[in-house]
């Protein structure tokens, strides 16, 4: 037995408005639905990339901080495939999103870089074939 596919990734943010803007306006993900759950004082935002449901963005009152980066237990990073890494780096830097120097994967010879979302969650941009 094995799962059929990855269904979604859940992210808890500290500032819902800031994270919503980052994932939708900077990263370009599409909003599928957005609800506020009064009983939990929590927003839930469902996001898609290319029509594929991908991320659940949650807000909760005073969530604990991530212990360390990136070697903390749990999610190490979230990676997005991009066709033109240089264009993405320029795009993000123009929007005051810092990126690490571009590296090359020693096994695949593909280029990649890291950046942080508004809460410091490590995100990777991995160059894929055009």
Foldseek 3Di string as FASTA:
>chain_A
DDDPDDQEAEEEDADVVQLVCCCCVQVNWDWPDWDQDVVQRKIWTFTHDPPGTYYTYMYGPPDDAQPDAQPGPDDNAAEDEDADVVVSCVSCVVVVWDKDDWDADPVPRWIKIWTAGPRRGIYMYTHDHD
